[in-house]
Amino acid sequence: ISCLGDCQLHTSCGIQKCTTDFVSFTSHLNAALEDFDLEFCKALRAYSVCTYRNSKVCRGNLVYHSAVLGIGDLMTQRNCTKDGPTSSTNPEMSHDPCTYSGHTEAREHQGGEKTLPPTYLFCGLFGDPHLRTFKDHFQTCKVEGAWPLIDNNYLSVQVTNVPVVPGSSATATNKITIIFKSYQDCTDQKVYQAVTDDLPAAFVDGTSGGDGNTRSLHIVEKVSGKYIEMHARYIGTTVYIRQLGHYLTLAIRMPRELVMAYKESQDLQLCVNGCPSSERIDQSGHLPLPVVEQLLPWGAVAHPRSGYTLETATTKCREKILVKDIYFYSCVFDLLTTGDANFTAAAHSALQDVEALHPSKEHWHIFPRSGGGGGVGRDSKFFVSLGLLCLILVAYL
C-alpha cells in the first residue's frame, strides 16, 4: 500500500503527451473556415486513439479519465464519427502545405520560435458604393469604371462600377474579376468573373475547384445565380459575392501578412488605402441627395425624385437593419439617392457578411458620432461622406 503514491508518480502515463498533441492539432484551426469541423474531428479521433493506447498505464489517473470524458462530449457536440481519418501522430510533420495556417506553423517549427496566430482583415463593398477597408475605414465613393480593390502577390480583385441614376455621381458594381495567382503545387492561376445576371459557380476555365477534402481553392454556390462563396485554403482567404437587384456586392477575409505583401507599384488598392480623395462622393461633408431643400439647407443637386422621403426611407431600412450603425445610414442614403429598395437588402447582407467574416465582434458595428475620434466601435469617427446626413437623421429618429 505504501507504494501507491510512488507508483502513481512514476507510472508512465502519456496523457499529457496526448493532450499536447491535440492542442497542436487544433491551435491553428479557425471556426469561421469551412473545413473546421472536419479537421477538429480528425484531431479528436487522434486524441481518442492516444488515450486508448495509454488506458492501462493511466488507469488510476484522474486527468486521463477527465480527458476521456471530455473527448466523448466534444465528439457528440461536433457530430464526429468514431471511425474516420485522424490527425498525424506527429504534429510537427502533419502540416498541409496547402493550408495557410500550416505555413505559420511550419515556420514556427523550423525556426524554433513561437509565432502568433495569423491576424485576419476584412474588406467589403456594397451599395452605390460604400467601402469598408481592411483598416475598418468607411467611405462612399464614385470610382466609376474599373478599380482595383486588392492587388498583392497572391490575389487580385477588380470591380467595375456604373452610374446608378442620371445626374448623380453615385455608382454601383456590375462586374467583379478575381485572379487567384498560382501558388506552389496548391493551385494554378485561376480567374473568376461575375457580371450582373451572370454569377457563375465556376472559374472562367469551367472548373469549380478540386475534389474531396483536398481542395485548396474552390467555389460553393449558396443560392443559384445570387450568392457564391470562394474558399482559398492555401492563403486562408474567403470571398463572398452576391447579386442584389441589378448590382453585385463583395466581402473578403484575408490574412494581414498576405494583404500587405505587395510592391509600391501596387499601392492603388481601395481595400488597403481607401478611395482617392477626388473619388469621394462627399465634398466637405456635403452629399448631393435627392431630397427636399429644407432638409438639406446647403442645397441638393437636382435629381429625379427617388420616391422616398427621409421618413419613409428610414422606416424601410429599419425593417432590415435594427442597429442604427453605418449600414443603417448607408441604406437610408442609398434609398434617397436611387429609390431602389434592393439597396436595403444589400446593406443588410453586407452587415451579415461582416458578422460572418470579420474577426473582431466588437468591431462589427461602426457608429456615427458628431465629433472626431479614432478606431472603431461606438467611439469611432464617422466616415465623412455620411457625416452631415447622420446628424440630420439623428434629429428625425
Protein backbone atom coordinates (compact mmCIF):
# COMPACT_ATOMS: atom_id res chain seq x y z
CA ILE A 1 0.00 0.00 0.00
CA SER A 2 2.87 2.34 0.79
CA CYS A 3 3.89 2.03 -2.85
CA LEU A 4 0.68 3.53 -4.15
CA GLY A 5 1.79 7.15 -4.05
CA ASP A 6 5.22 6.50 -5.59
CA CYS A 7 3.76 4.05 -8.12
CA GLN A 8 1.32 6.66 -9.39
CA LEU A 9 4.06 9.27 -9.61
CA HIS A 10 6.37 7.05 -11.63
CA THR A 11 3.83 5.32 -13.83
CA SER A 12 4.50 6.38 -17.44
CA CYS A 13 1.01 7.71 -18.20
CA GLY A 14 1.18 9.50 -21.54
CA ILE A 15 -1.99 11.59 -21.17
CA GLN A 16 0.00 14.83 -21.11
CA LYS A 17 1.57 14.00 -24.48
CA CYS A 18 -1.88 13.13 -25.89
CA THR A 19 -3.27 16.47 -24.72
CA THR A 20 -0.26 18.41 -26.02
CA ASP A 21 -0.64 16.80 -29.44
CA PHE A 22 -4.36 17.63 -29.52
CA VAL A 23 -3.61 21.28 -28.73
CA SER A 24 -1.01 21.31 -31.52
CA PHE A 25 -3.52 19.88 -33.98
CA THR A 26 -6.23 22.41 -33.14
CA SER A 27 -4.50 25.64 -32.07
CA HIS A 28 -4.30 26.94 -35.65
CA LEU A 29 -7.85 26.00 -36.66
CA ASN A 30 -10.36 28.77 -37.33
CA ALA A 31 -14.04 28.12 -36.62
CA ALA A 32 -15.05 30.53 -39.41
CA LEU A 33 -13.45 28.38 -42.11
CA GLU A 34 -15.36 25.69 -43.94
CA ASP A 35 -13.07 22.75 -43.05
CA PHE A 36 -13.03 23.45 -39.28
CA ASP A 37 -15.36 20.58 -38.26
CA LEU A 38 -13.51 18.10 -40.48
CA GLU A 39 -10.10 18.96 -39.02
CA PHE A 40 -11.38 19.22 -35.45
CA CYS A 41 -12.97 15.76 -35.65
CA LYS A 42 -9.73 14.32 -37.04
CA ALA A 43 -7.87 15.78 -34.08
CA LEU A 44 -10.45 14.40 -31.61
CA ARG A 45 -10.15 10.91 -33.10
CA ALA A 46 -6.35 11.10 -32.84
CA TYR A 47 -6.76 12.21 -29.19
CA SER A 48 -9.09 9.28 -28.54
CA VAL A 49 -6.67 6.77 -30.11
CA CYS A 50 -3.83 8.17 -27.99
CA THR A 51 -5.82 7.83 -24.77
CA TYR A 52 -6.81 4.25 -25.67
CA ARG A 53 -3.15 3.32 -26.12
CA ASN A 54 -2.48 4.63 -22.62
CA SER A 55 -5.57 3.14 -20.99
CA LYS A 56 -3.66 0.58 -18.90
CA VAL A 57 -0.85 2.75 -17.59
CA CYS A 58 -3.23 5.67 -16.96
CA ARG A 59 -5.91 3.56 -15.28
CA GLY A 60 -5.69 5.38 -11.93
CA ASN A 61 -5.00 8.85 -13.34
CA LEU A 62 -7.84 11.34 -12.84
CA VAL A 63 -6.55 13.61 -15.61
CA TYR A 64 -6.73 10.68 -18.01
CA HIS A 65 -10.35 9.87 -17.10
CA SER A 66 -11.34 13.53 -17.38
CA ALA A 67 -9.77 13.65 -20.84
CA VAL A 68 -11.69 10.55 -21.97
CA LEU A 69 -14.99 12.05 -20.81
CA GLY A 70 -14.15 15.38 -22.42
CA ILE A 71 -13.34 13.74 -25.75
CA GLY A 72 -16.68 11.95 -25.74
CA ASP A 73 -18.56 15.18 -25.04
CA LEU A 74 -16.74 17.09 -27.77
CA MET A 75 -17.31 14.33 -30.33
CA THR A 76 -21.03 14.42 -29.55
CA GLN A 77 -21.17 18.23 -29.78
CA ARG A 78 -19.38 18.26 -33.14
CA ASN A 79 -21.22 15.22 -34.52
CA CYS A 80 -17.90 13.44 -35.05
CA THR A 81 -17.98 9.78 -36.06
CA LYS A 82 -15.78 7.40 -34.07
CA ASP A 83 -14.42 5.90 -37.26
CA GLY A 84 -12.62 8.06 -39.77
CA PRO A 85 -9.33 9.78 -40.56
CA THR A 86 -7.16 11.04 -37.72
CA SER A 87 -4.55 13.75 -37.50
CA SER A 88 -0.94 12.62 -37.85
CA THR A 89 0.61 11.20 -34.67
CA ASN A 90 3.45 13.69 -35.17
CA PRO A 91 2.03 17.21 -35.22
CA GLU A 92 5.31 18.67 -36.48
CA MET A 93 5.01 16.60 -39.64
CA SER A 94 1.29 16.98 -40.19
CA HIS A 95 1.16 20.46 -41.71
CA ASP A 96 -0.54 20.65 -45.06
CA PRO A 97 1.47 22.98 -47.33
CA CYS A 98 -1.83 23.98 -48.97
CA THR A 99 -3.38 25.16 -45.71
CA TYR A 100 -2.42 28.72 -44.85
CA SER A 101 -2.27 28.07 -41.11
CA GLY A 102 0.23 25.32 -41.91
CA HIS A 103 2.62 27.91 -43.33
CA THR A 104 2.74 29.72 -40.00
CA GLU A 105 3.11 26.51 -38.02
CA ALA A 106 5.86 25.25 -40.30
CA ARG A 107 7.84 28.45 -39.78
CA GLU A 108 7.40 28.04 -36.04
CA HIS A 109 8.84 24.54 -36.02
CA GLN A 110 11.64 25.34 -38.43
CA GLY A 111 12.74 28.48 -36.64
CA GLY A 112 12.25 27.12 -33.14
CA GLU A 113 10.39 30.26 -32.10
CA LYS A 114 6.74 30.67 -31.27
CA THR A 115 4.75 32.81 -33.69
CA LEU A 116 1.44 34.50 -33.03
CA PRO A 117 -1.69 33.12 -34.71
CA PRO A 118 -2.41 34.78 -38.06
CA THR A 119 -4.33 38.06 -37.95
CA TYR A 120 -7.23 38.34 -40.41
CA LEU A 121 -8.59 41.50 -42.03
CA PHE A 122 -11.95 42.26 -43.65
CA CYS A 123 -12.96 44.39 -46.65
CA GLY A 124 -16.41 44.89 -48.13
CA LEU A 125 -18.04 46.80 -50.98
CA PHE A 126 -21.79 47.28 -51.42
CA GLY A 127 -24.45 49.81 -52.36
CA ASP A 128 -23.69 52.81 -54.51
CA PRO A 129 -20.92 52.17 -53.46
CA HIS A 130 -19.88 52.01 -49.82
CA LEU A 131 -16.43 50.70 -48.99
CA ARG A 132 -15.21 49.23 -45.73
CA THR A 133 -11.43 48.97 -45.94
CA PHE A 134 -9.08 46.50 -44.27
CA LYS A 135 -8.48 49.26 -41.69
CA ASP A 136 -12.21 49.45 -40.88
CA HIS A 137 -12.50 52.87 -42.50
CA PHE A 138 -15.86 53.52 -44.14
CA GLN A 139 -16.19 55.64 -47.28
CA THR A 140 -18.71 56.41 -50.00
CA CYS A 141 -17.07 56.85 -53.40
CA LYS A 142 -17.73 57.45 -57.09
CA VAL A 143 -15.00 55.21 -58.56
CA GLU A 144 -16.80 54.85 -61.88
CA GLY A 145 -15.25 52.31 -64.25
CA ALA A 146 -12.70 49.63 -63.33
CA TRP A 147 -10.85 49.92 -60.00
CA PRO A 148 -8.59 47.52 -58.04
CA LEU A 149 -9.87 46.54 -54.62
CA ILE A 150 -6.93 44.21 -53.93
CA ASP A 151 -3.66 43.66 -55.79
CA ASN A 152 -0.98 41.71 -53.92
CA ASN A 153 1.33 38.78 -54.54
CA TYR A 154 -1.45 36.23 -54.07
CA LEU A 155 -4.70 37.79 -55.21
CA SER A 156 -6.11 40.50 -57.46
CA VAL A 157 -9.69 41.76 -57.20
CA GLN A 158 -11.06 44.36 -59.59
CA VAL A 159 -14.55 45.86 -59.65
CA THR A 160 -16.33 47.83 -62.35
CA ASN A 161 -18.88 50.43 -61.27
CA VAL A 162 -21.53 52.13 -63.38
CA PRO A 163 -23.80 55.15 -62.67
CA VAL A 164 -26.99 54.29 -60.84
CA VAL A 165 -29.25 57.24 -61.68
CA PRO A 166 -28.84 60.08 -64.19
CA GLY A 167 -27.43 63.26 -62.72
CA SER A 168 -25.96 61.56 -59.63
CA SER A 169 -22.31 60.74 -59.01
CA ALA A 170 -23.33 57.56 -57.18
CA THR A 171 -22.34 54.30 -58.85
CA ALA A 172 -22.80 50.59 -58.11
CA THR A 173 -20.86 47.45 -59.01
CA ASN A 174 -21.92 45.42 -62.04
CA LYS A 175 -18.73 43.41 -62.63
CA ILE A 176 -16.17 41.65 -60.41
CA THR A 177 -12.98 39.98 -61.63
CA ILE A 178 -10.80 37.94 -59.28
CA ILE A 179 -7.42 36.39 -60.08
CA PHE A 180 -6.02 33.77 -57.71
CA LYS A 181 -2.34 33.69 -58.61
CA SER A 182 -0.57 30.34 -58.98
CA TYR A 183 0.96 29.07 -55.75
CA GLN A 184 3.44 26.20 -55.45
CA ASP A 185 1.64 22.89 -56.01
CA CYS A 186 -1.59 24.13 -54.43
CA THR A 187 -3.21 25.85 -57.41
CA ASP A 188 -2.59 27.08 -60.91
CA GLN A 189 -3.72 30.61 -61.70
CA LYS A 190 -7.50 30.79 -61.59
CA VAL A 191 -9.66 33.62 -62.90
CA TYR A 192 -13.22 34.25 -61.77
CA GLN A 193 -15.59 36.77 -63.33
CA ALA A 194 -19.10 37.80 -62.35
CA VAL A 195 -21.33 40.34 -64.08
CA THR A 196 -24.90 41.38 -63.45
CA ASP A 197 -27.25 38.43 -64.09
CA ASP A 198 -24.30 36.06 -64.52
CA LEU A 199 -22.91 34.93 -61.16
CA PRO A 200 -21.31 31.58 -62.05
CA ALA A 201 -20.27 28.84 -59.65
CA ALA A 202 -17.11 28.18 -61.66
CA PHE A 203 -13.92 29.84 -62.81
CA VAL A 204 -13.59 31.01 -66.40
CA ASP A 205 -11.90 27.70 -67.29
CA GLY A 206 -15.09 25.86 -66.30
CA THR A 207 -13.72 24.30 -63.09
CA SER A 208 -15.05 24.98 -59.61
CA GLY A 209 -12.11 23.61 -57.62
CA GLY A 210 -10.62 20.30 -56.60
CA ASP A 211 -12.39 17.18 -55.38
CA GLY A 212 -12.96 15.92 -51.87
CA ASN A 213 -11.32 17.45 -48.83
CA THR A 214 -8.02 18.16 -50.59
CA ARG A 215 -9.42 21.21 -52.38
CA SER A 216 -7.17 24.17 -51.71
CA LEU A 217 -9.34 26.51 -53.83
CA HIS A 218 -12.99 26.01 -54.65
CA ILE A 219 -16.33 27.72 -55.18
CA VAL A 220 -19.52 26.92 -53.29
CA GLU A 221 -22.85 28.02 -54.75
CA LYS A 222 -25.16 29.04 -51.90
CA VAL A 223 -28.06 30.48 -53.91
CA SER A 224 -28.12 29.79 -57.63
CA GLY A 225 -27.21 32.90 -59.58
CA LYS A 226 -27.42 35.08 -56.46
CA TYR A 227 -24.76 34.12 -53.90
CA ILE A 228 -21.45 32.24 -54.10
CA GLU A 229 -18.56 31.70 -51.70
CA MET A 230 -14.94 31.17 -52.67
CA HIS A 231 -12.58 29.39 -50.29
CA ALA A 232 -8.84 29.63 -50.90
CA ARG A 233 -7.50 27.39 -48.14
CA TYR A 234 -3.85 27.77 -49.18
CA ILE A 235 -3.95 31.52 -48.47
CA GLY A 236 -6.56 31.43 -45.69
CA THR A 237 -8.91 33.61 -47.73
CA THR A 238 -12.70 33.60 -48.06
CA VAL A 239 -14.71 35.67 -50.56
CA TYR A 240 -18.48 36.20 -50.67
CA ILE A 241 -20.15 37.60 -53.80
CA ARG A 242 -23.86 38.38 -54.03
CA GLN A 243 -26.22 39.87 -56.58
CA LEU A 244 -28.97 42.00 -55.10
CA GLY A 245 -31.18 43.70 -57.63
CA HIS A 246 -29.04 44.72 -60.60
CA TYR A 247 -25.78 45.07 -58.71
CA LEU A 248 -23.09 43.00 -57.01
CA THR A 249 -21.61 43.07 -53.51
CA LEU A 250 -18.31 41.65 -52.31
CA ALA A 251 -16.89 40.73 -48.91
CA ILE A 252 -13.45 39.26 -48.27
CA ARG A 253 -11.45 38.00 -45.32
CA MET A 254 -7.67 37.61 -45.75
CA PRO A 255 -4.60 37.24 -43.50
CA ARG A 256 -2.87 40.53 -42.75
CA GLU A 257 0.58 39.35 -43.81
CA LEU A 258 -0.73 38.40 -47.26
CA VAL A 259 -2.75 41.62 -47.60
CA MET A 260 0.45 43.58 -47.04
CA ALA A 261 2.54 41.51 -49.49
CA TYR A 262 2.60 43.94 -52.41
CA LYS A 263 5.03 46.26 -54.22
CA GLU A 264 4.99 50.05 -54.25
CA SER A 265 3.60 49.96 -57.79
CA GLN A 266 0.53 48.13 -56.43
CA ASP A 267 -0.47 50.78 -53.91
CA LEU A 268 -3.74 51.69 -55.65
CA GLN A 269 -5.90 49.25 -53.73
CA LEU A 270 -9.23 50.51 -52.43
CA CYS A 271 -9.40 47.84 -49.71
CA VAL A 272 -5.96 48.83 -48.42
CA ASN A 273 -5.76 52.61 -48.85
CA GLY A 274 -9.36 53.63 -49.48
CA CYS A 275 -10.64 55.79 -52.33
CA PRO A 276 -8.62 58.71 -53.67
CA SER A 277 -9.94 61.99 -52.27
CA SER A 278 -11.04 63.05 -55.76
CA GLU A 279 -13.33 60.00 -55.92
CA ARG A 280 -15.14 60.54 -52.64
CA ILE A 281 -18.79 61.49 -53.11
CA ASP A 282 -18.69 63.78 -50.12
CA GLN A 283 -17.37 67.30 -50.53
CA SER A 284 -16.54 68.70 -47.11
CA GLY A 285 -19.36 66.69 -45.61
CA HIS A 286 -21.99 67.65 -48.23
CA LEU A 287 -23.88 64.96 -50.10
CA PRO A 288 -25.86 65.56 -53.32
CA LEU A 289 -29.03 63.91 -52.04
CA PRO A 290 -32.31 63.99 -53.97
CA VAL A 291 -34.40 65.25 -51.04
CA VAL A 292 -36.30 68.46 -50.44
CA GLU A 293 -34.14 71.53 -49.96
CA GLN A 294 -35.35 72.43 -46.50
CA LEU A 295 -33.96 69.15 -45.14
CA LEU A 296 -30.53 69.83 -46.63
CA PRO A 297 -30.11 73.59 -46.31
CA TRP A 298 -26.83 73.70 -48.24
CA GLY A 299 -28.85 72.79 -51.34
CA ALA A 300 -29.03 69.45 -53.08
CA VAL A 301 -28.18 68.74 -56.69
CA ALA A 302 -31.37 68.33 -58.71
CA HIS A 303 -32.23 64.65 -59.31
CA PRO A 304 -35.33 62.77 -60.31
CA ARG A 305 -37.38 62.03 -57.24
CA SER A 306 -36.44 58.72 -55.67
CA GLY A 307 -39.94 58.08 -54.38
CA TYR A 308 -38.66 58.08 -50.78
CA THR A 309 -38.72 60.78 -48.16
CA LEU A 310 -36.36 60.77 -45.21
CA GLU A 311 -39.13 59.29 -43.09
CA THR A 312 -40.14 56.51 -45.48
CA ALA A 313 -36.50 55.62 -46.24
CA THR A 314 -35.76 55.41 -42.52
CA THR A 315 -38.80 53.18 -41.96
CA LYS A 316 -37.83 50.91 -44.86
CA CYS A 317 -34.27 50.46 -43.59
CA ARG A 318 -35.49 49.73 -40.06
CA GLU A 319 -37.30 46.67 -41.44
CA LYS A 320 -33.96 45.01 -42.20
CA ILE A 321 -31.36 46.69 -40.01
CA LEU A 322 -32.18 47.00 -36.33
CA VAL A 323 -28.95 48.62 -35.17
CA LYS A 324 -28.52 52.27 -36.18
CA ASP A 325 -24.95 51.87 -37.35
CA ILE A 326 -23.19 52.82 -40.56
CA TYR A 327 -25.01 50.11 -42.52
CA PHE A 328 -28.35 51.58 -41.49
CA TYR A 329 -27.39 55.09 -42.56
CA SER A 330 -25.89 53.78 -45.80
CA CYS A 331 -29.22 52.11 -46.50
CA VAL A 332 -31.07 55.41 -45.99
CA PHE A 333 -28.62 57.27 -48.23
CA ASP A 334 -28.99 54.67 -51.00
CA LEU A 335 -32.78 54.76 -50.91
CA LEU A 336 -32.85 58.55 -51.08
CA THR A 337 -30.34 58.52 -53.90
CA THR A 338 -31.72 55.72 -56.07
CA GLY A 339 -35.24 54.81 -54.94
CA ASP A 340 -34.18 51.15 -55.41
CA ALA A 341 -35.33 49.03 -52.45
CA ASN A 342 -32.78 46.33 -53.38
CA PHE A 343 -30.14 48.55 -51.77
CA THR A 344 -31.84 47.88 -48.44
CA ALA A 345 -31.15 44.17 -48.89
CA ALA A 346 -27.59 44.99 -50.00
CA ALA A 347 -26.85 46.91 -46.79
CA HIS A 348 -28.42 44.18 -44.67
CA SER A 349 -26.44 41.43 -46.45
CA ALA A 350 -23.24 43.47 -46.15
CA LEU A 351 -23.73 43.57 -42.38
CA GLN A 352 -24.37 39.80 -42.33
CA ASP A 353 -21.13 39.26 -44.25
CA VAL A 354 -19.27 41.36 -41.68
CA GLU A 355 -20.68 39.18 -38.91
CA ALA A 356 -19.63 36.03 -40.77
CA LEU A 357 -16.13 37.11 -41.81
CA HIS A 358 -14.87 39.99 -39.67
CA PRO A 359 -12.54 38.54 -36.98
CA SER A 360 -13.44 41.03 -34.22
CA LYS A 361 -17.02 41.01 -32.99
CA GLU A 362 -16.53 44.28 -31.11
CA HIS A 363 -15.77 45.95 -34.45
CA TRP A 364 -18.71 44.63 -36.47
CA HIS A 365 -20.70 47.83 -35.99
CA ILE A 366 -19.35 51.28 -36.74
CA PHE A 367 -21.40 54.02 -35.15
CA PRO A 368 -21.64 57.68 -36.14
CA ARG A 369 -20.58 60.46 -33.86
CA SER A 370 -20.57 64.19 -34.39
CA GLY A 371 -17.01 64.81 -33.28
CA GLY A 372 -13.62 63.32 -34.04
CA GLY A 373 -12.19 60.16 -32.62
CA GLY A 374 -10.30 57.13 -33.72
CA GLY A 375 -10.68 53.41 -34.05
CA VAL A 376 -13.92 51.59 -34.46
CA GLY A 377 -16.98 50.75 -32.40
CA ARG A 378 -19.03 53.37 -30.58
CA ASP A 379 -16.03 55.69 -30.30
CA SER A 380 -15.17 55.59 -33.98
CA LYS A 381 -15.08 58.64 -36.19
CA PHE A 382 -17.99 58.53 -38.56
CA PHE A 383 -16.86 58.44 -42.16
CA VAL A 384 -17.01 61.89 -43.70
CA SER A 385 -19.20 61.03 -46.65
CA LEU A 386 -22.26 60.48 -44.47
CA GLY A 387 -21.37 62.64 -41.51
CA LEU A 388 -23.77 65.52 -42.08
CA LEU A 389 -26.54 63.23 -43.24
CA CYS A 390 -26.28 61.31 -39.97
CA LEU A 391 -26.63 64.42 -37.90
CA ILE A 392 -29.82 65.25 -39.77
CA LEU A 393 -31.15 61.69 -39.48
CA VAL A 394 -30.45 61.52 -35.75
CA ALA A 395 -32.66 64.57 -35.29
CA TYR A 396 -35.50 62.79 -37.07
CA LEU A 397 -35.24 59.44 -35.25
